[in-house]
């Protein structure tokens, strides 16, 4: 139980750091700064009025309309999709909104000790540029060649064997979504790369958002 609570908190912390680019060091992680494995904010962020994209982030050529993010992240996956991602015994979504970033939702499975967090980064208006400016300098693993549903994406984690991975997808230059997945105890024992299930969940989320946009 403690393991699930801890990893979900870390996932929320990662969402916070990646999405916030205007805070001073330490401001974005007041409640999660002591969580093991969390990533502290830096002062290397680009100004909020920078031309997008910036910091090396790719441009989103064919963006989805922001209206696809009108629903809460807790409603972006069907119960069947949540169960597919986390297995039988998965919890219902619990809102984990962040004022500086946007709405978020946590799910966990107390039987398998797996968990995931989905967030919409809509406040900073920087999309994937926030990950390139804020997160890339802080993590050991930052994979830039990921594409999810035809949209540019990045996958990152604290280390290659980290049981938690976040995949961020740029739906437009100004806004993005993030999916943080924590491996179940079984998958961890099997040596599964935590970014693989994170990418699969991100594909489901983007697929649902594209369907909502009529694509």
C-alpha atoms as a PDB file:
ATOM      1  CA  UNK A   1       0.000   0.000   0.000  1.00  0.00           C
ATOM      2  CA  UNK A   2       2.822   2.371   0.870  1.00  0.00           C
ATOM      3  CA  UNK A   3       4.518   1.495  -2.423  1.00  0.00           C
ATOM      4  CA  UNK A   4       1.469   2.522  -4.470  1.00  0.00           C
ATOM      5  CA  UNK A   5       0.994   5.767  -2.559  1.00  0.00           C
ATOM      6  CA  UNK A   6       4.638   6.659  -2.966  1.00  0.00           C
ATOM      7  CA  UNK A   7       4.858   5.975  -6.684  1.00  0.00           C
ATOM      8  CA  UNK A   8       1.663   7.839  -7.427  1.00  0.00           C
ATOM      9  CA  UNK A   9       3.033  10.824  -5.533  1.00  0.00           C
ATOM     10  CA  UNK A  10       6.221  10.634  -7.566  1.00  0.00           C
ATOM     11  CA  UNK A  11       4.193  10.488 -10.771  1.00  0.00           C
ATOM     12  CA  UNK A  12       2.325  13.609  -9.749  1.00  0.00           C
ATOM     13  CA  UNK A  13       5.626  15.290  -8.898  1.00  0.00           C
ATOM     14  CA  UNK A  14       7.014  14.462 -12.347  1.00  0.00           C
ATOM     15  CA  UNK A  15       3.875  15.880 -13.965  1.00  0.00           C
ATOM     16  CA  UNK A  16       4.278  19.055 -11.914  1.00  0.00           C
ATOM     17  CA  UNK A  17       7.921  19.622 -12.737  1.00  0.00           C
ATOM     18  CA  UNK A  18       7.560  18.902 -16.436  1.00  0.00           C
ATOM     19  CA  UNK A  19       4.568  21.154 -16.858  1.00  0.00           C
ATOM     20  CA  UNK A  20       5.656  24.201 -14.850  1.00  0.00           C
ATOM     21  CA  UNK A  21       8.155  26.556 -16.394  1.00  0.00           C
ATOM     22  CA  UNK A  22       7.597  29.802 -14.526  1.00  0.00           C
ATOM     23  CA  UNK A  23       8.202  28.760 -10.919  1.00  0.00           C
ATOM     24  CA  UNK A  24      11.350  29.525  -8.987  1.00  0.00           C
ATOM     25  CA  UNK A  25      13.414  26.521  -7.776  1.00  0.00           C
ATOM     26  CA  UNK A  26      11.457  24.452  -5.272  1.00  0.00           C
ATOM     27  CA  UNK A  27       8.138  26.189  -5.809  1.00  0.00           C
ATOM     28  CA  UNK A  28       6.503  23.522  -7.951  1.00  0.00           C
ATOM     29  CA  UNK A  29       7.024  20.685  -5.471  1.00  0.00           C
ATOM     30  CA  UNK A  30       5.997  21.811  -2.043  1.00  0.00           C
ATOM     31  CA  UNK A  31       4.253  18.631  -0.945  1.00  0.00           C
ATOM     32  CA  UNK A  32       6.243  16.081  -2.961  1.00  0.00           C
ATOM     33  CA  UNK A  33       9.807  17.363  -2.593  1.00  0.00           C
ATOM     34  CA  UNK A  34      10.722  14.683  -0.058  1.00  0.00           C
ATOM     35  CA  UNK A  35       9.451  11.742  -2.116  1.00  0.00           C
ATOM     36  CA  UNK A  36      12.345   9.428  -3.063  1.00  0.00           C
ATOM     37  CA  UNK A  37      13.135   9.627  -6.774  1.00  0.00           C
ATOM     38  CA  UNK A  38      11.263  12.875  -7.357  1.00  0.00           C
ATOM     39  CA  UNK A  39      12.777  15.501  -9.644  1.00  0.00           C
ATOM     40  CA  UNK A  40      13.367  18.968  -8.300  1.00  0.00           C
ATOM     41  CA  UNK A  41      12.570  22.036 -10.436  1.00  0.00           C
ATOM     42  CA  UNK A  42      15.367  24.104 -11.900  1.00  0.00           C
ATOM     43  CA  UNK A  43      15.752  27.724 -12.938  1.00  0.00           C
ATOM     44  CA  UNK A  44      16.659  26.781 -16.531  1.00  0.00           C
ATOM     45  CA  UNK A  45      13.147  27.315 -17.864  1.00  0.00           C
ATOM     46  CA  UNK A  46      12.563  29.479 -20.884  1.00  0.00           C
ATOM     47  CA  UNK A  47      10.410  32.622 -20.501  1.00  0.00           C
ATOM     48  CA  UNK A  48       6.701  31.996 -20.890  1.00  0.00           C
ATOM     49  CA  UNK A  49       6.586  34.416 -23.854  1.00  0.00           C
ATOM     50  CA  UNK A  50       9.192  32.453 -25.836  1.00  0.00           C
ATOM     51  CA  UNK A  51       8.360  31.551 -29.418  1.00  0.00           C
ATOM     52  CA  UNK A  52       7.092  27.973 -29.574  1.00  0.00           C
ATOM     53  CA  UNK A  53       8.469  25.435 -29.835  1.00  0.00           C
ATOM     54  CA  UNK A  54      11.682  26.174 -27.941  1.00  0.00           C
ATOM     55  CA  UNK A  55      14.552  24.400 -26.166  1.00  0.00           C
ATOM     56  CA  UNK A  56      14.831  21.812 -28.961  1.00  0.00           C
ATOM     57  CA  UNK A  57      11.241  20.577 -28.825  1.00  0.00           C
ATOM     58  CA  UNK A  58       9.723  19.509 -32.159  1.00  0.00           C
ATOM     59  CA  UNK A  59       6.845  21.404 -33.703  1.00  0.00           C
ATOM     60  CA  UNK A  60       3.401  19.802 -33.820  1.00  0.00           C
ATOM     61  CA  UNK A  61       2.530  19.854 -37.511  1.00  0.00           C
ATOM     62  CA  UNK A  62      -1.103  18.735 -37.318  1.00  0.00           C
ATOM     63  CA  UNK A  63      -2.405  19.661 -33.842  1.00  0.00           C
ATOM     64  CA  UNK A  64      -5.568  18.418 -32.202  1.00  0.00           C
ATOM     65  CA  UNK A  65      -8.039  21.131 -31.166  1.00  0.00           C
ATOM     66  CA  UNK A  66      -7.806  22.022 -27.490  1.00  0.00           C
ATOM     67  CA  UNK A  67     -11.497  21.190 -27.152  1.00  0.00           C
ATOM     68  CA  UNK A  68     -10.544  17.484 -26.956  1.00  0.00           C
ATOM     69  CA  UNK A  69      -9.193  18.257 -23.473  1.00  0.00           C
ATOM     70  CA  UNK A  70     -12.524  19.591 -22.228  1.00  0.00           C
ATOM     71  CA  UNK A  71     -13.226  16.405 -20.239  1.00  0.00           C
ATOM     72  CA  UNK A  72     -11.339  15.587 -17.033  1.00  0.00           C
ATOM     73  CA  UNK A  73      -8.402  13.146 -17.345  1.00  0.00           C
ATOM     74  CA  UNK A  74     -10.294  10.716 -15.099  1.00  0.00           C
ATOM     75  CA  UNK A  75     -12.764  10.309 -17.966  1.00  0.00           C
ATOM     76  CA  UNK A  76     -10.247  10.008 -20.798  1.00  0.00           C
ATOM     77  CA  UNK A  77     -10.020   6.199 -20.498  1.00  0.00           C
ATOM     78  CA  UNK A  78     -12.885   3.747 -20.290  1.00  0.00           C
ATOM     79  CA  UNK A  79     -13.074   1.412 -17.258  1.00  0.00           C
ATOM     80  CA  UNK A  80     -12.135  -1.427 -19.608  1.00  0.00           C
ATOM     81  CA  UNK A  81      -9.021   0.431 -20.749  1.00  0.00           C
ATOM     82  CA  UNK A  82      -8.014   1.170 -17.158  1.00  0.00           C
ATOM     83  CA  UNK A  83      -8.376  -2.499 -16.311  1.00  0.00           C
ATOM     84  CA  UNK A  84      -6.370  -3.434 -19.403  1.00  0.00           C
ATOM     85  CA  UNK A  85      -3.582  -1.137 -18.251  1.00  0.00           C
ATOM     86  CA  UNK A  86      -3.578  -2.021 -14.544  1.00  0.00           C
ATOM     87  CA  UNK A  87      -5.353  -5.360 -14.334  1.00  0.00           C
ATOM     88  CA  UNK A  88      -8.318  -6.516 -12.297  1.00  0.00           C
ATOM     89  CA  UNK A  89      -8.596  -4.628  -9.046  1.00  0.00           C
ATOM     90  CA  UNK A  90      -7.692  -1.244 -10.530  1.00  0.00           C
ATOM     91  CA  UNK A  91      -9.137   1.698  -8.641  1.00  0.00           C
ATOM     92  CA  UNK A  92     -11.441   4.314 -10.081  1.00  0.00           C
ATOM     93  CA  UNK A  93      -9.736   7.547 -11.072  1.00  0.00           C
ATOM     94  CA  UNK A  94      -8.864  10.028  -8.345  1.00  0.00           C
ATOM     95  CA  UNK A  95      -8.432  13.692  -9.424  1.00  0.00           C
ATOM     96  CA  UNK A  96      -4.929  15.081  -8.893  1.00  0.00           C
ATOM     97  CA  UNK A  97      -5.274  18.519 -10.446  1.00  0.00           C
ATOM     98  CA  UNK A  98      -2.447  21.040 -10.242  1.00  0.00           C
ATOM     99  CA  UNK A  99      -3.268  24.727 -10.471  1.00  0.00           C
ATOM    100  CA  UNK A 100       0.050  25.575 -12.170  1.00  0.00           C
ATOM    101  CA  UNK A 101      -0.220  22.783 -14.755  1.00  0.00           C
ATOM    102  CA  UNK A 102      -3.740  21.508 -15.353  1.00  0.00           C
ATOM    103  CA  UNK A 103      -6.080  18.646 -14.468  1.00  0.00           C
ATOM    104  CA  UNK A 104      -4.714  15.219 -13.577  1.00  0.00           C
ATOM    105  CA  UNK A 105      -5.945  11.814 -12.452  1.00  0.00           C
ATOM    106  CA  UNK A 106      -4.395   8.901 -10.525  1.00  0.00           C
ATOM    107  CA  UNK A 107      -5.218   5.184 -10.634  1.00  0.00           C
ATOM    108  CA  UNK A 108      -3.709   2.365  -8.615  1.00  0.00           C
ATOM    109  CA  UNK A 109      -3.989  -1.374  -8.093  1.00  0.00           C
ATOM    110  CA  UNK A 110      -3.500  -2.451  -4.489  1.00  0.00           C
ATOM    111  CA  UNK A 111      -3.138  -6.098  -5.533  1.00  0.00           C
ATOM    112  CA  UNK A 112      -0.411  -5.707  -8.172  1.00  0.00           C
ATOM    113  CA  UNK A 113       1.112  -2.475  -6.769  1.00  0.00           C
ATOM    114  CA  UNK A 114       0.999  -0.890 -10.222  1.00  0.00           C
ATOM    115  CA  UNK A 115      -0.270   2.604 -10.866  1.00  0.00           C
ATOM    116  CA  UNK A 116      -0.601   5.364 -13.428  1.00  0.00           C
ATOM    117  CA  UNK A 117      -1.231   9.074 -13.653  1.00  0.00           C
ATOM    118  CA  UNK A 118      -2.597  11.078 -16.590  1.00  0.00           C
ATOM    119  CA  UNK A 119      -2.331  14.831 -16.796  1.00  0.00           C
ATOM    120  CA  UNK A 120      -3.249  17.626 -19.197  1.00  0.00           C
ATOM    121  CA  UNK A 121      -0.634  20.392 -19.350  1.00  0.00           C
ATOM    122  CA  UNK A 122      -2.723  23.365 -20.451  1.00  0.00           C
ATOM    123  CA  UNK A 123      -1.747  26.208 -18.101  1.00  0.00           C
ATOM    124  CA  UNK A 124       1.871  26.998 -18.997  1.00  0.00           C
ATOM    125  CA  UNK A 125       1.035  27.144 -22.746  1.00  0.00           C
ATOM    126  CA  UNK A 126       4.386  25.566 -23.614  1.00  0.00           C
ATOM    127  CA  UNK A 127       3.491  22.001 -24.592  1.00  0.00           C
ATOM    128  CA  UNK A 128       6.482  19.681 -25.009  1.00  0.00           C
ATOM    129  CA  UNK A 129       8.836  22.669 -24.781  1.00  0.00           C
ATOM    130  CA  UNK A 130       8.345  22.484 -20.997  1.00  0.00           C
ATOM    131  CA  UNK A 131       9.770  18.957 -20.899  1.00  0.00           C
ATOM    132  CA  UNK A 132      12.749  19.946 -23.024  1.00  0.00           C
ATOM    133  CA  UNK A 133      13.465  23.033 -20.926  1.00  0.00           C
ATOM    134  CA  UNK A 134      12.730  21.666 -17.440  1.00  0.00           C
ATOM    135  CA  UNK A 135      12.880  17.878 -17.396  1.00  0.00           C
ATOM    136  CA  UNK A 136      15.593  16.968 -19.890  1.00  0.00           C
ATOM    137  CA  UNK A 137      18.430  18.524 -17.831  1.00  0.00           C
ATOM    138  CA  UNK A 138      17.327  16.612 -14.714  1.00  0.00           C
ATOM    139  CA  UNK A 139      16.857  13.010 -15.841  1.00  0.00           C
ATOM    140  CA  UNK A 140      19.298  10.349 -16.990  1.00  0.00           C
ATOM    141  CA  UNK A 141      16.871   8.852 -19.514  1.00  0.00           C
ATOM    142  CA  UNK A 142      15.173  11.205 -21.974  1.00  0.00           C
ATOM    143  CA  UNK A 143      14.110   9.533 -25.222  1.00  0.00           C
ATOM    144  CA  UNK A 144      13.264  12.024 -27.927  1.00  0.00           C
ATOM    145  CA  UNK A 145      12.460   9.635 -30.758  1.00  0.00           C
ATOM    146  CA  UNK A 146       9.090   8.549 -29.412  1.00  0.00           C
ATOM    147  CA  UNK A 147       5.974   9.155 -31.516  1.00  0.00           C
ATOM    148  CA  UNK A 148       2.526   8.471 -30.102  1.00  0.00           C
ATOM    149  CA  UNK A 149      -0.508   8.407 -32.365  1.00  0.00           C
ATOM    150  CA  UNK A 150       1.382  10.462 -34.941  1.00  0.00           C
ATOM    151  CA  UNK A 151       2.255  13.193 -32.456  1.00  0.00           C
ATOM    152  CA  UNK A 152       5.742  14.054 -31.178  1.00  0.00           C
ATOM    153  CA  UNK A 153       6.431  12.624 -27.748  1.00  0.00           C
ATOM    154  CA  UNK A 154       9.213  12.023 -25.247  1.00  0.00           C
ATOM    155  CA  UNK A 155       9.715   9.289 -22.674  1.00  0.00           C
ATOM    156  CA  UNK A 156      11.756   9.948 -19.556  1.00  0.00           C
ATOM    157  CA  UNK A 157      12.689   8.432 -16.209  1.00  0.00           C
ATOM    158  CA  UNK A 158      15.281   8.832 -13.488  1.00  0.00           C
ATOM    159  CA  UNK A 159      17.326   5.790 -14.569  1.00  0.00           C
ATOM    160  CA  UNK A 160      17.172   2.876 -17.005  1.00  0.00           C
ATOM    161  CA  UNK A 161      15.851   0.487 -14.288  1.00  0.00           C
ATOM    162  CA  UNK A 162      13.413   2.958 -12.783  1.00  0.00           C
ATOM    163  CA  UNK A 163      10.031   1.275 -12.254  1.00  0.00           C
ATOM    164  CA  UNK A 164       8.318   4.547 -13.202  1.00  0.00           C
ATOM    165  CA  UNK A 165       8.319   6.230 -16.625  1.00  0.00           C
ATOM    166  CA  UNK A 166       6.526   9.273 -18.015  1.00  0.00           C
ATOM    167  CA  UNK A 167       5.533   9.732 -21.643  1.00  0.00           C
ATOM    168  CA  UNK A 168       4.572  13.259 -22.670  1.00  0.00           C
ATOM    169  CA  UNK A 169       2.779  13.865 -25.969  1.00  0.00           C
ATOM    170  CA  UNK A 170       2.523  17.219 -27.719  1.00  0.00           C
ATOM    171  CA  UNK A 171      -0.982  17.641 -29.097  1.00  0.00           C
ATOM    172  CA  UNK A 172      -0.120  21.207 -30.146  1.00  0.00           C
ATOM    173  CA  UNK A 173       2.839  23.502 -29.550  1.00  0.00           C
ATOM    174  CA  UNK A 174       0.931  25.049 -26.616  1.00  0.00           C
ATOM    175  CA  UNK A 175      -0.483  22.024 -24.794  1.00  0.00           C
ATOM    176  CA  UNK A 176       0.344  18.396 -24.124  1.00  0.00           C
ATOM    177  CA  UNK A 177      -0.660  15.345 -22.140  1.00  0.00           C
ATOM    178  CA  UNK A 178       1.461  13.160 -19.891  1.00  0.00           C
ATOM    179  CA  UNK A 179       1.138   9.527 -18.831  1.00  0.00           C
ATOM    180  CA  UNK A 180       3.171   8.244 -15.893  1.00  0.00           C
ATOM    181  CA  UNK A 181       3.111   4.489 -15.297  1.00  0.00           C
ATOM    182  CA  UNK A 182       4.556   2.567 -12.360  1.00  0.00           C
ATOM    183  CA  UNK A 183       5.236  -1.098 -12.991  1.00  0.00           C
ATOM    184  CA  UNK A 184       3.390  -3.778 -11.076  1.00  0.00           C
ATOM    185  CA  UNK A 185       5.526  -5.977  -8.827  1.00  0.00           C
ATOM    186  CA  UNK A 186       5.230  -8.787 -11.393  1.00  0.00           C
ATOM    187  CA  UNK A 187       6.378  -6.644 -14.318  1.00  0.00           C
ATOM    188  CA  UNK A 188       9.180  -5.219 -12.219  1.00  0.00           C
ATOM    189  CA  UNK A 189      10.390  -8.754 -11.446  1.00  0.00           C
ATOM    190  CA  UNK A 190      10.285  -9.565 -15.167  1.00  0.00           C
ATOM    191  CA  UNK A 191      12.549  -6.626 -15.927  1.00  0.00           C
ATOM    192  CA  UNK A 192      10.023  -4.834 -18.140  1.00  0.00           C
ATOM    193  CA  UNK A 193      11.053  -1.377 -19.341  1.00  0.00           C
ATOM    194  CA  UNK A 194       8.570   0.924 -17.570  1.00  0.00           C
ATOM    195  CA  UNK A 195       8.393   3.174 -20.636  1.00  0.00           C
ATOM    196  CA  UNK A 196       6.791   0.391 -22.710  1.00  0.00           C
ATOM    197  CA  UNK A 197       3.471   0.277 -20.803  1.00  0.00           C
ATOM    198  CA  UNK A 198       3.567   4.075 -20.447  1.00  0.00           C
ATOM    199  CA  UNK A 199       3.683   4.389 -24.239  1.00  0.00           C
ATOM    200  CA  UNK A 200       0.833   1.875 -24.603  1.00  0.00           C
ATOM    201  CA  UNK A 201      -1.395   3.856 -22.225  1.00  0.00           C
ATOM    202  CA  UNK A 202      -0.448   7.088 -24.003  1.00  0.00           C
ATOM    203  CA  UNK A 203      -1.501   5.487 -27.299  1.00  0.00           C
ATOM    204  CA  UNK A 204      -4.904   4.649 -25.796  1.00  0.00           C
ATOM    205  CA  UNK A 205      -5.350   8.184 -24.475  1.00  0.00           C
ATOM    206  CA  UNK A 206      -4.362   9.821 -27.764  1.00  0.00           C
ATOM    207  CA  UNK A 207      -6.585   7.392 -29.681  1.00  0.00           C
ATOM    208  CA  UNK A 208      -9.574   8.408 -27.573  1.00  0.00           C
ATOM    209  CA  UNK A 209      -8.778  12.108 -28.008  1.00  0.00           C
ATOM    210  CA  UNK A 210      -8.436  11.726 -31.789  1.00  0.00           C
ATOM    211  CA  UNK A 211     -11.776   9.904 -31.883  1.00  0.00           C
ATOM    212  CA  UNK A 212     -13.327  12.773 -29.942  1.00  0.00           C
ATOM    213  CA  UNK A 213     -11.972  15.173 -32.556  1.00  0.00           C
ATOM    214  CA  UNK A 214     -13.508  13.023 -35.292  1.00  0.00           C
ATOM    215  CA  UNK A 215     -10.191  11.749 -36.623  1.00  0.00           C
END
